[in-house]
């Protein structure tokens, strides 16, 4: 098991769609979990993580520790810098 990216967003959020496109085009095998905060499971997980704005992206270790977080649009290069550490 290794680090994973967790993204919180919504289908109605323009910046969230931009981040989705970036995540869909990453050159890595990292696990990506996407939550839609307008759905029950996404809202519940978002509350656990303290989401106040979307899109929000977390890099989480295999033990569940948040290593990095970012709210708003983020570039592929920034995400890859996180992943490659």
Protein backbone atom coordinates (compact mmCIF):
# COMPACT_ATOMS: atom_id res chain seq x y z
CA UNK A 1 0.00 0.00 0.00
CA UNK A 2 1.20 3.54 -0.66
CA UNK A 3 0.15 7.16 -0.62
CA UNK A 4 -3.12 8.18 -2.27
CA UNK A 5 -4.76 11.36 -3.51
CA UNK A 6 -8.20 12.26 -2.20
CA UNK A 7 -10.19 14.93 -4.03
CA UNK A 8 -13.36 16.59 -2.78
CA UNK A 9 -15.51 18.44 -5.30
CA UNK A 10 -18.85 18.47 -7.05
CA UNK A 11 -20.23 18.13 -10.57
CA UNK A 12 -21.59 21.69 -10.46
CA UNK A 13 -18.19 23.23 -9.59
CA UNK A 14 -16.20 24.59 -12.55
CA UNK A 15 -12.79 24.55 -10.80
CA UNK A 16 -13.51 20.97 -9.66
CA UNK A 17 -13.87 19.90 -13.29
CA UNK A 18 -10.47 21.47 -14.06
CA UNK A 19 -8.86 19.52 -11.20
CA UNK A 20 -10.60 16.32 -12.40
CA UNK A 21 -9.06 16.82 -15.83
CA UNK A 22 -5.60 17.30 -14.26
CA UNK A 23 -6.02 14.15 -12.15
CA UNK A 24 -7.21 12.15 -15.15
CA UNK A 25 -3.99 13.06 -16.98
CA UNK A 26 -1.40 12.35 -14.27
CA UNK A 27 1.59 10.27 -15.30
CA UNK A 28 1.58 8.12 -12.17
CA UNK A 29 0.02 5.00 -10.76
CA UNK A 30 -1.09 6.65 -7.48
CA UNK A 31 -4.56 5.73 -6.23
CA UNK A 32 -7.04 8.59 -6.67
CA UNK A 33 -10.26 8.74 -4.67
CA UNK A 34 -12.88 11.31 -5.68
CA UNK A 35 -15.77 12.40 -3.45
CA UNK A 36 -18.74 14.47 -4.60
CA UNK A 37 -19.84 16.56 -1.61
CA UNK A 38 -23.38 16.76 -2.97
CA UNK A 39 -23.76 13.01 -2.33
CA UNK A 40 -24.16 11.48 1.15
CA UNK A 41 -20.83 9.62 1.26
CA UNK A 42 -18.93 12.63 -0.04
CA UNK A 43 -20.58 14.96 2.45
CA UNK A 44 -19.79 12.59 5.33
CA UNK A 45 -16.15 12.14 4.34
CA UNK A 46 -15.84 15.88 3.70
CA UNK A 47 -17.02 16.64 7.22
CA UNK A 48 -14.47 14.18 8.64
CA UNK A 49 -11.69 15.93 6.70
CA UNK A 50 -12.89 19.43 7.60
CA UNK A 51 -13.68 20.51 4.04
CA UNK A 52 -14.70 24.17 3.91
CA UNK A 53 -14.28 24.86 0.18
CA UNK A 54 -13.98 22.89 -3.05
CA UNK A 55 -12.05 21.62 -4.86
CA UNK A 56 -9.82 20.35 -2.07
CA UNK A 57 -7.11 17.79 -2.66
CA UNK A 58 -5.17 15.76 -0.06
CA UNK A 59 -2.10 13.58 -0.35
CA UNK A 60 -2.53 10.94 2.35
CA UNK A 61 0.01 8.36 3.56
CA UNK A 62 -0.82 4.68 3.88
CA UNK A 63 -1.28 5.25 7.63
CA UNK A 64 -3.86 7.99 6.98
CA UNK A 65 -1.65 10.99 7.75
CA UNK A 66 -2.31 14.07 5.60
CA UNK A 67 1.01 14.87 3.92
CA UNK A 68 -0.17 17.75 1.70
CA UNK A 69 -3.40 19.61 1.07
CA UNK A 70 -4.56 22.25 -1.38
CA UNK A 71 -7.83 24.07 -1.98
CA UNK A 72 -8.56 25.46 -5.43
CA UNK A 73 -7.20 24.69 -8.87
CA UNK A 74 -3.79 23.00 -8.87
CA UNK A 75 -1.46 22.17 -11.73
CA UNK A 76 -0.27 18.76 -12.83
CA UNK A 77 3.28 19.83 -12.01
CA UNK A 78 2.37 20.74 -8.43
CA UNK A 79 0.59 17.43 -7.89
CA UNK A 80 3.50 15.47 -9.37
CA UNK A 81 5.90 17.30 -7.03
CA UNK A 82 3.76 16.07 -4.11
CA UNK A 83 3.61 12.52 -5.40
CA UNK A 84 7.30 12.27 -6.22
CA UNK A 85 8.16 13.97 -2.93
